[in-house]
Protein backbone atom coordinates (compact mmCIF):
# COMPACT_ATOMS: atom_id res chain seq x y z
CA MET A 1 157.52 75.21 88.77
CA LEU A 2 158.54 77.47 91.37
CA LEU A 3 155.91 79.47 90.13
CA ARG A 4 153.20 77.48 91.35
CA SER A 5 154.67 77.32 94.28
CA VAL A 6 154.66 80.30 95.21
CA ASN A 7 151.59 81.07 94.16
CA LEU A 8 150.16 78.43 96.82
CA VAL A 9 152.42 80.33 99.56
CA ILE A 10 150.69 83.60 98.15
CA ARG A 11 147.32 81.49 98.69
CA PHE A 12 148.29 80.29 102.32
CA LEU A 13 149.13 84.14 103.47
CA LEU A 14 145.72 85.12 101.75
CA GLU A 15 143.58 82.79 104.06
CA ILE A 16 145.74 84.78 107.23
CA CYS A 17 145.08 88.15 106.33
CA SER A 18 141.38 87.18 105.73
CA LEU A 19 141.53 86.16 108.94
CA ILE A 20 143.49 89.01 110.20
CA SER A 21 141.32 91.74 108.20
CA LEU A 22 138.38 90.68 110.10
CA GLY A 23 139.60 90.70 113.60
CA TYR A 24 141.02 94.13 112.75
CA TRP A 25 137.91 94.86 111.51
CA GLY A 26 135.62 93.32 114.70
CA PHE A 27 138.11 94.90 117.26
CA GLN A 28 137.20 98.27 115.37
CA VAL A 29 133.76 98.05 115.79
CA GLY A 30 131.31 98.76 118.65
CA ASN A 31 131.29 100.54 121.24
CA ARG A 32 132.10 98.23 124.25
CA PHE A 33 134.66 96.00 124.99
CA TYR A 34 132.21 92.81 125.08
CA THR A 35 131.40 94.26 121.19
CA LYS A 36 134.59 94.48 120.11
CA LEU A 37 135.62 90.74 121.88
CA VAL A 38 133.09 88.90 120.16
CA PHE A 39 133.23 90.68 116.45
CA GLY A 40 136.86 90.68 116.91
CA ILE A 41 137.04 87.00 117.98
CA GLY A 42 133.49 85.17 116.46
CA SER A 43 134.02 86.63 112.65
CA PRO A 44 137.41 84.74 112.02
CA LEU A 45 136.26 81.84 113.94
CA LEU A 46 133.22 82.00 111.58
CA LEU A 47 135.51 82.65 108.63
CA ALA A 48 137.49 79.53 109.30
CA LEU A 49 135.15 77.14 109.93
CA LEU A 50 133.27 77.50 106.31
CA TRP A 51 136.96 78.09 104.68
CA GLY A 52 137.81 74.90 106.83
CA THR A 53 133.93 73.47 106.20
CA PHE A 54 133.79 73.81 101.99
CA ILE A 55 136.81 75.75 100.86
CA ALA A 56 140.30 73.71 102.41
CA PRO A 57 142.02 70.76 100.26
CA LYS A 58 140.99 68.76 103.02
CA ALA A 59 137.38 69.90 103.10
CA SER A 60 134.46 67.87 104.89
CA LEU A 61 131.94 68.96 102.71
CA LYS A 62 134.05 69.87 99.22
CA MET A 63 132.06 72.20 97.38
CA PRO A 64 131.95 71.93 93.44
CA GLU A 65 134.07 74.21 91.24
CA PRO A 66 131.57 77.01 90.21
CA TYR A 67 130.06 76.96 93.83
CA ARG A 68 133.90 77.02 95.83
CA PHE A 69 134.38 80.56 93.18
CA ILE A 70 131.49 82.05 94.25
CA LEU A 71 132.18 81.21 97.96
CA GLU A 72 135.31 82.47 97.74
CA LEU A 73 134.27 85.59 96.04
CA ILE A 74 132.00 86.20 98.54
CA ILE A 75 134.75 85.36 101.72
CA PHE A 76 137.08 87.54 100.11
CA GLY A 77 134.66 90.48 98.90
CA VAL A 78 133.80 90.54 103.21
CA THR A 79 137.40 90.92 104.03
CA SER A 80 137.95 93.14 101.77
CA SER A 81 134.88 95.01 102.94
CA ALA A 82 136.08 94.65 106.72
CA LEU A 83 139.17 96.42 105.46
CA TYR A 84 137.43 99.62 103.69
CA VAL A 85 135.33 100.02 106.26
CA ALA A 86 137.80 100.00 108.99
CA ASP A 87 139.45 103.06 107.05
CA LYS A 88 142.57 100.49 105.76
CA THR A 89 141.16 101.23 101.40
CA ILE A 90 144.63 100.74 100.50
CA LEU A 91 144.97 97.23 102.22
CA ALA A 92 141.72 96.23 100.87
CA ILE A 93 142.31 97.22 97.52
CA ILE A 94 145.55 95.38 97.47
CA LEU A 95 143.68 92.12 99.03
CA GLY A 96 141.13 92.09 96.55
CA MET A 97 143.99 92.49 93.54
CA VAL A 98 146.07 89.58 94.81
CA PHE A 99 143.29 87.69 95.69
CA LEU A 100 141.70 88.21 92.19
CA ILE A 101 145.44 87.34 90.80
CA ASN A 102 146.01 84.76 92.56
CA ARG A 103 142.75 82.66 91.49
CA ILE A 104 143.39 83.72 87.86
CA LEU A 105 146.59 81.23 88.39
CA LEU A 106 144.68 78.60 90.54
CA ILE A 107 142.47 78.21 87.82
CA ILE A 108 145.32 78.87 84.60
CA TRP A 109 147.72 76.54 85.96
CA LYS A 110 144.75 74.05 87.37
CA GLN A 111 145.75 74.20 91.19
């Protein structure tokens, strides 16, 4: 029971890390201040909008499971790639691996 709760906490932390990684990437991209601002704030906002609309437990348009899993793979693939592009290779690998382990445990424990 405790491990299942820890897995859900890790899931929440993964969501936060995804937002932070996109924000970090956004502020590293571009040469102008406005470009950095748009990507640094806009990309995490877009991710939060997608997550809240389609993936969150109380999502307004909850997707059926195979499509939800595919969208999660895309989102975490993009956030890991954003870290890689921002020269944070080890963090990108860690984020991707923790997501995969967490998602496998979510499926096994039917969370």
